[in-house]
Amino acid sequence: MMMKTRAVLMLAAVVLLTALALQFIRFRDMTEGERAVAARPIDLKNQIPAQLAGWVVSDEPLGPNEAVRGAIERTLNYDDYVYRLYRRGGVTVGLYAAYWAPNRMPVQKVASHTPDRCWIENGWTCLDQRFAEKITTSDTRLQSAQWRIFQAPGRDGRQEHVLYWHLVGAQVHDYGGQLATSPGIVGWWRDALAYALAGSRAQLFVRVTSSVPFERLHDEAGWKTMVEALAGLGLAAAPGA
């Protein structure tokens, strides 16, 4: 009887703590979304190459019109971003990076906007995936990336080769070795409780897309310059890692 009572009390305590944690998280999220917080950019546009010999480079908006761009900005709530396209001889490489200062956004919210989720929800199909891709050049080695091949919906049917990283502080976020189409309950609670207790560290999300396999870019001088720039943003692998 005593064991049963103790189990009931423990369960009640867990439920209570969970309810309190949820209320705290909701309060923090609400106040972050509603209060006016000045952006703290880190000059991403000048840290990512704006010119590459032999490539046509252009800065692109995040949406087709002002209304869509405004909605994206409100949803992502970033401090700084850059979205740049590089074109050469029928090859297109896109580089998108967004930055959040500490306590700007919960980790789980940033993690909910990966290509795995957003692209698939918009009709794209993931044809192949790898979860710890090594990106190296002769001089540079990056932290492990999420690697994907996506196919566009409908008649378009084009394929996009995708790499992405989500840095939390100096470490790549753990997506659990699976497509991040929905948050795993353990990882979600880990991130939510960490945020509730201590807030969030600075975050950087980087997505690189290519119309051709990344292997074909390996010896391109322009690709090496891009990889060096990503290393400078904090994606460089630790020595010996």
Foldseek 3Di string as FASTA:
>chain_A
DVVVVVVVVVVVVVVVVVVVLVVLLVVLVVCLLPDDDQADDPPVVVLFDQDDPQKDKDWDQPDDDDVVSVVVCSQVVFRDKTWMWIDHDHKIKIKIKTKHAFQNDQPVSVLQPDCLAPVVVVPKDWPDWDFFDWDDAPVFTFGGWTWTWIFHDDPRRQIKTKTKFKDFPLDTDDQPGDRPNDHDPVSVVVRSSCCSVPTGHMMMMMMMIMSDDVVVCRPPPSVVSRRVSVVVVNGTDDPPD
